[in-house]
Amino acid sequence: MMKIGARWVLIFVVMALVAMMVGCETATMDNQGNISLDDLEGIVPEPDPGAGFPAEIDTPIKWMHTDVSKWPVTTTVNVSFSGDKIQFPYDKAKTWRAVDGVNANPWVIAKVNGQWYAATFEWLRFGQTVKPMYTVRGDHTKSPPLSGNWAPKKGERVGIFVSGLARTKTRNHQERSNVVMVTWP
């Protein structure tokens, strides 16, 4: 029988401990939750198409530009009005990559003759979170029935949100914000 020196035993124990820790996400044995077969296979579930949409939007939306309903909600937008400006600060304004100087599109969701329609109404430059209120109208959305002379009326409820570039075929990030329902001033 071969004698193993204490030094070699210590080296073996240290190597075994290192080997057990390599690839571990934590050095503790705490319960890290349940893992499903889908998780192990890398299958990502489809996002809920209603995610980020208020219950007030009670019928399917007709998308005048890209249908972004399945894009994940990765940012939160707040909407307010100040003077003749609409403000929609969101936390990805300086995170989403710009393409030709722009990195997002603001959207309006409006109900026309009982049907909800969604259309982009502008482009947002990197970091921009404010637009003139007059940009939320038909000559900016350019898609019937949200075109021509269309504009939200005082007291009308509309949804406002932002997304990565979606007005044309150019894309940067396929992400969007929640939708905020506002009463048009």
Protein backbone atom coordinates (compact mmCIF):
# COMPACT_ATOMS: atom_id res chain seq x y z
CA MET A 1 0.00 0.00 0.00
CA MET A 2 1.28 3.40 -0.90
CA LYS A 3 1.67 6.05 1.77
CA ILE A 4 0.31 9.46 0.94
CA GLY A 5 1.96 12.34 2.69
CA ALA A 6 -0.05 14.93 4.63
CA ARG A 7 0.98 17.56 2.13
CA TRP A 8 -0.53 15.62 -0.77
CA VAL A 9 -3.75 15.05 1.19
CA LEU A 10 -4.03 18.79 1.81
CA ILE A 11 -3.43 19.56 -1.88
CA PHE A 12 -6.05 16.98 -2.87
CA VAL A 13 -8.65 18.43 -0.45
CA VAL A 14 -8.03 21.99 -1.66
CA MET A 15 -8.30 20.92 -5.30
CA ALA A 16 -11.53 19.05 -4.57
CA LEU A 17 -13.02 22.13 -2.88
CA VAL A 18 -11.98 24.36 -5.79
CA ALA A 19 -13.44 21.89 -8.28
CA MET A 20 -16.76 21.85 -6.42
CA MET A 21 -16.97 25.65 -6.44
CA VAL A 22 -16.05 26.17 -10.12
CA GLY A 23 -19.19 26.95 -12.06
CA CYS A 24 -21.26 27.49 -8.94
CA GLU A 25 -23.22 30.71 -8.88
CA THR A 26 -23.07 30.90 -5.13
CA ALA A 27 -20.71 29.68 -2.47
CA THR A 28 -23.62 28.73 -0.23
CA MET A 29 -25.98 25.81 -0.44
CA ASP A 30 -29.06 28.01 -0.01
CA ASN A 31 -32.13 26.99 -1.99
CA GLN A 32 -31.95 28.92 -5.25
CA GLY A 33 -35.55 28.14 -6.24
CA ASN A 34 -37.09 25.66 -8.64
CA ILE A 35 -35.67 25.15 -12.11
CA SER A 36 -37.97 23.90 -14.85
CA LEU A 37 -37.02 21.81 -17.86
CA ASP A 38 -37.77 24.89 -20.01
CA ASP A 39 -35.19 26.84 -17.97
CA LEU A 40 -32.59 24.12 -18.50
CA GLU A 41 -33.31 23.96 -22.24
CA GLY A 42 -33.20 27.76 -22.58
CA ILE A 43 -36.83 28.03 -23.66
CA VAL A 44 -38.19 31.51 -22.98
CA PRO A 45 -41.97 31.74 -22.61
CA GLU A 46 -43.86 34.11 -24.88
CA PRO A 47 -44.56 37.39 -23.10
CA ASP A 48 -48.16 38.08 -22.17
CA PRO A 49 -49.55 40.25 -25.02
CA GLY A 50 -51.49 42.21 -22.40
CA ALA A 51 -48.40 42.90 -20.32
CA GLY A 52 -48.01 46.58 -19.72
CA PHE A 53 -51.45 47.42 -21.14
CA PRO A 54 -54.08 48.97 -18.85
CA ALA A 55 -57.45 47.26 -18.45
CA GLU A 56 -59.03 50.39 -19.93
CA ILE A 57 -57.85 49.13 -23.33
CA ASP A 58 -60.68 46.65 -23.52
CA THR A 59 -60.47 45.44 -27.13
CA PRO A 60 -57.58 44.30 -29.33
CA ILE A 61 -55.32 47.08 -30.59
CA LYS A 62 -54.82 47.67 -34.32
CA TRP A 63 -51.17 48.58 -34.85
CA MET A 64 -50.55 51.32 -37.44
CA HIS A 65 -46.80 50.79 -37.30
CA THR A 66 -44.87 47.75 -36.01
CA ASP A 67 -46.86 45.56 -33.60
CA VAL A 68 -44.74 45.87 -30.46
CA SER A 69 -47.26 44.20 -28.14
CA LYS A 70 -44.99 41.17 -27.63
CA TRP A 71 -41.86 43.21 -27.07
CA PRO A 72 -40.83 42.89 -23.42
CA VAL A 73 -41.60 45.75 -21.05
CA THR A 74 -38.12 46.74 -19.84
CA THR A 75 -38.64 50.37 -18.87
CA THR A 76 -41.19 52.43 -16.98
CA VAL A 77 -42.56 55.64 -18.42
CA ASN A 78 -44.34 58.45 -16.59
CA VAL A 79 -46.47 60.92 -18.53
CA SER A 80 -47.30 64.52 -17.67
CA PHE A 81 -48.14 67.79 -19.38
CA SER A 82 -46.49 71.14 -18.81
CA GLY A 83 -47.65 74.12 -20.83
CA ASP A 84 -47.70 72.97 -24.44
CA LYS A 85 -45.32 70.03 -23.82
CA ILE A 86 -45.90 66.33 -23.20
CA GLN A 87 -43.26 64.79 -20.96
CA PHE A 88 -42.58 61.07 -20.87
CA PRO A 89 -39.41 60.36 -18.90
CA TYR A 90 -38.29 56.74 -19.07
CA ASP A 91 -35.18 55.10 -17.67
CA LYS A 92 -33.83 53.77 -21.00
CA ALA A 93 -33.65 57.23 -22.65
CA LYS A 94 -29.85 57.16 -22.35
CA THR A 95 -29.46 53.39 -22.54
CA TRP A 96 -31.04 52.33 -25.82
CA ARG A 97 -28.52 52.64 -28.66
CA ALA A 98 -29.12 55.49 -31.11
CA VAL A 99 -29.34 54.90 -34.86
CA ASP A 100 -28.85 58.05 -36.95
CA GLY A 101 -29.28 60.12 -33.79
CA VAL A 102 -32.59 58.61 -32.61
CA ASN A 103 -33.20 55.76 -30.19
CA ALA A 104 -36.94 55.52 -29.50
CA ASN A 105 -40.45 56.22 -30.73
CA PRO A 106 -43.26 57.62 -28.59
CA TRP A 107 -46.68 56.06 -29.21
CA VAL A 108 -50.29 57.11 -28.80
CA ILE A 109 -53.13 54.62 -28.36
CA ALA A 110 -56.52 56.13 -29.17
CA LYS A 111 -60.06 54.77 -29.47
CA VAL A 112 -61.80 55.70 -32.73
CA ASN A 113 -65.33 54.42 -33.38
CA GLY A 114 -64.98 51.78 -30.65
CA GLN A 115 -61.62 50.44 -31.90
CA TRP A 116 -58.23 51.04 -30.25
CA TYR A 117 -55.42 52.07 -32.61
CA ALA A 118 -51.73 52.51 -31.80
CA ALA A 119 -49.31 54.63 -33.81
CA THR A 120 -45.93 56.22 -33.30
CA PHE A 121 -46.07 59.99 -33.49
CA GLU A 122 -42.42 61.05 -33.44
CA TRP A 123 -38.78 60.10 -33.08
CA LEU A 124 -36.83 60.60 -29.85
CA ARG A 125 -33.19 61.63 -29.86
CA PHE A 126 -30.82 59.95 -27.42
CA GLY A 127 -31.88 61.17 -23.95
CA GLN A 128 -34.94 63.11 -25.17
CA THR A 129 -38.14 62.73 -23.12
CA VAL A 130 -40.23 65.79 -24.08
CA LYS A 131 -42.14 66.72 -27.24
CA PRO A 132 -44.57 69.50 -28.12
CA MET A 133 -48.18 68.41 -27.61
CA TYR A 134 -48.97 69.29 -31.23
CA THR A 135 -46.90 66.28 -32.34
CA VAL A 136 -49.62 63.93 -31.05
CA ARG A 137 -51.86 64.35 -34.09
CA GLY A 138 -52.61 62.96 -37.52
CA ASP A 139 -49.96 64.81 -39.50
CA HIS A 140 -47.37 63.08 -37.28
CA THR A 141 -48.91 59.59 -36.93
CA LYS A 142 -49.69 59.51 -40.67
CA SER A 143 -51.78 56.32 -40.49
CA PRO A 144 -55.57 56.26 -40.93
CA PRO A 145 -57.71 56.64 -38.93
CA LEU A 146 -55.06 58.44 -36.84
CA SER A 147 -54.10 60.71 -39.72
CA GLY A 148 -55.12 63.95 -41.41
CA ASN A 149 -57.02 66.16 -38.97
CA TRP A 150 -57.10 63.57 -36.17
CA ALA A 151 -55.89 64.77 -32.76
CA PRO A 152 -56.88 63.83 -29.21
CA LYS A 153 -59.77 65.96 -27.99
CA LYS A 154 -59.79 67.71 -24.62
CA GLY A 155 -60.95 65.17 -22.02
CA GLU A 156 -60.27 62.16 -24.27
CA ARG A 157 -58.45 59.18 -22.72
CA VAL A 158 -55.39 58.02 -24.64
CA GLY A 159 -52.48 55.73 -23.90
CA ILE A 160 -48.88 56.91 -24.17
CA PHE A 161 -45.76 54.73 -24.18
CA VAL A 162 -42.30 54.50 -25.73
CA SER A 163 -40.50 51.73 -27.56
CA GLY A 164 -37.23 51.06 -29.28
CA LEU A 165 -37.26 52.12 -32.93
CA ALA A 166 -40.44 50.78 -34.55
CA ARG A 167 -41.74 53.46 -36.95
CA THR A 168 -39.85 52.03 -39.95
CA LYS A 169 -37.87 48.84 -40.53
CA THR A 170 -34.87 50.24 -38.63
CA ARG A 171 -34.46 48.59 -35.21
CA ASN A 172 -32.18 49.13 -32.25
CA HIS A 173 -33.87 47.39 -29.30
CA GLN A 174 -37.08 45.38 -29.41
CA GLU A 175 -38.22 46.64 -26.02
CA ARG A 176 -40.96 48.93 -24.82
CA SER A 177 -42.37 50.64 -21.76
CA ASN A 178 -45.61 50.22 -19.92
CA VAL A 179 -48.62 52.13 -21.27
CA VAL A 180 -49.88 55.10 -19.26
CA MET A 181 -53.48 56.22 -19.77
CA VAL A 182 -53.91 60.00 -19.61
CA THR A 183 -56.76 62.43 -20.01
CA TRP A 184 -55.87 64.84 -22.81
CA PRO A 185 -55.73 68.40 -21.44
